[in-house]
Amino acid sequence: MNLENIHLTSKEILEKDFKTSMRGYNQEEVDEYLDLIIQDYDHMQQELERLQQENDRLKRMSTRETTQRVKQPASNNHQVNYDILKRVSNLEKAVFGNKFAD
């Protein structure tokens, strides 16, 4: 939701005065309806703020996890390389005998 597209605030809705005429709407009924709109509007703004904060938090978590994943394979890579070298050494001993390994 783009905040630039919002035209009214709850304060502007509350402070809106309508012109009266001879056969106009019942002012109390309009005021009650506007009060409901203001409450809904406030709840939507609060929910929007909560969701934006949650989105920011999740983005930060995602960035941290990505950073940790990038760093983590380097330390595991050394262990994997060592295991591979050890297996190659054992294969050389098995195929060529101890003479080649020494």
Protein backbone atom coordinates (compact mmCIF):
# COMPACT_ATOMS: atom_id res chain seq x y z
CA MET A 1 0.00 0.00 0.00
CA ASN A 2 1.42 3.34 -1.03
CA LEU A 3 1.05 5.99 1.68
CA GLU A 4 1.09 8.75 -0.93
CA ASN A 5 -2.35 7.62 -2.11
CA ILE A 6 -3.98 8.28 1.28
CA HIS A 7 -5.87 11.55 1.15
CA LEU A 8 -7.33 11.84 4.65
CA THR A 9 -6.15 11.42 8.18
CA SER A 10 -8.43 10.46 11.05
CA LYS A 11 -8.09 14.02 12.36
CA GLU A 12 -9.25 15.47 9.03
CA ILE A 13 -12.25 13.13 9.02
CA LEU A 14 -13.11 14.14 12.58
CA GLU A 15 -12.86 17.85 11.87
CA LYS A 16 -14.84 17.75 8.61
CA ASP A 17 -17.93 20.00 8.72
CA PHE A 18 -20.73 19.43 6.25
CA LYS A 19 -23.02 22.18 5.12
CA THR A 20 -26.60 21.84 6.28
CA SER A 21 -29.66 22.41 4.20
CA MET A 22 -33.40 22.24 4.74
CA ARG A 23 -33.70 18.61 3.82
CA GLY A 24 -30.14 17.48 4.60
CA TYR A 25 -28.96 14.37 6.33
CA ASN A 26 -29.48 13.79 10.03
CA GLN A 27 -26.36 15.37 11.53
CA GLU A 28 -26.19 12.94 14.47
CA GLU A 29 -26.40 9.94 12.14
CA VAL A 30 -23.62 11.35 9.94
CA ASP A 31 -21.47 12.04 13.02
CA GLU A 32 -21.95 8.49 14.34
CA TYR A 33 -21.04 7.04 10.97
CA LEU A 34 -17.95 9.24 10.70
CA ASP A 35 -16.92 8.14 14.20
CA LEU A 36 -17.00 4.51 13.01
CA ILE A 37 -14.96 5.44 9.94
CA ILE A 38 -12.40 7.22 12.12
CA GLN A 39 -12.05 4.16 14.38
CA ASP A 40 -11.60 1.86 11.40
CA TYR A 41 -9.12 4.26 9.84
CA ASP A 42 -7.08 4.42 13.06
CA HIS A 43 -7.05 0.61 13.29
CA MET A 44 -5.90 0.32 9.69
CA GLN A 45 -3.08 2.82 10.27
CA GLN A 46 -1.94 0.93 13.37
CA GLU A 47 -2.03 -2.37 11.50
CA LEU A 48 -0.10 -0.84 8.60
CA GLU A 49 2.59 0.42 10.98
CA ARG A 50 2.77 -2.97 12.69
CA LEU A 51 3.12 -4.75 9.37
CA GLN A 52 5.81 -2.34 8.20
CA GLN A 53 7.77 -2.95 11.40
CA GLU A 54 7.34 -6.71 10.98
CA ASN A 55 8.49 -6.45 7.37
CA ASP A 56 11.58 -4.48 8.41
CA ARG A 57 12.35 -7.02 11.15
CA LEU A 58 12.05 -9.92 8.72
CA LYS A 59 14.28 -8.18 6.19
CA ARG A 60 16.94 -7.67 8.86
CA MET A 61 16.69 -11.33 9.92
CA SER A 62 16.95 -12.47 6.32
CA THR A 63 20.03 -10.31 5.78
CA ARG A 64 21.67 -11.71 8.92
CA GLU A 65 20.90 -15.31 7.93
CA THR A 66 22.26 -14.75 4.43
CA THR A 67 25.43 -13.26 5.88
CA GLN A 68 25.83 -16.21 8.24
CA ARG A 69 25.31 -18.72 5.41
CA VAL A 70 27.96 -17.04 3.32
CA LYS A 71 30.44 -17.15 6.21
CA GLN A 72 29.55 -20.64 7.37
CA PRO A 73 30.59 -22.73 4.33
CA ALA A 74 34.15 -21.39 4.55
CA SER A 75 34.68 -23.03 7.94
CA ASN A 76 32.95 -26.24 6.87
CA ASN A 77 34.87 -26.20 3.61
CA HIS A 78 38.16 -26.74 5.43
CA GLN A 79 36.77 -29.80 7.16
CA VAL A 80 35.41 -31.15 3.86
CA ASN A 81 38.76 -30.55 2.14
CA TYR A 82 40.59 -32.36 4.94
CA ASP A 83 38.21 -35.33 4.67
CA ILE A 84 38.70 -35.49 0.91
CA LEU A 85 42.49 -35.34 1.23
CA LYS A 86 42.42 -38.09 3.85
CA ARG A 87 40.30 -40.31 1.59
CA VAL A 88 42.57 -39.67 -1.40
CA SER A 89 45.58 -40.57 0.73
CA ASN A 90 43.92 -43.80 1.84
CA LEU A 91 43.04 -44.63 -1.78
CA GLU A 92 46.63 -44.01 -2.88
CA LYS A 93 47.86 -46.34 -0.15
CA ALA A 94 45.37 -49.00 -1.18
CA VAL A 95 46.11 -48.73 -4.89
CA PHE A 96 49.86 -48.04 -4.95
CA GLY A 97 50.84 -49.40 -1.59
CA ASN A 98 52.74 -47.74 1.22
CA LYS A 99 55.74 -47.10 -1.03
CA PHE A 100 53.97 -44.27 -2.87
CA ALA A 101 52.45 -42.70 0.25
CA ASP A 102 55.83 -42.39 1.95
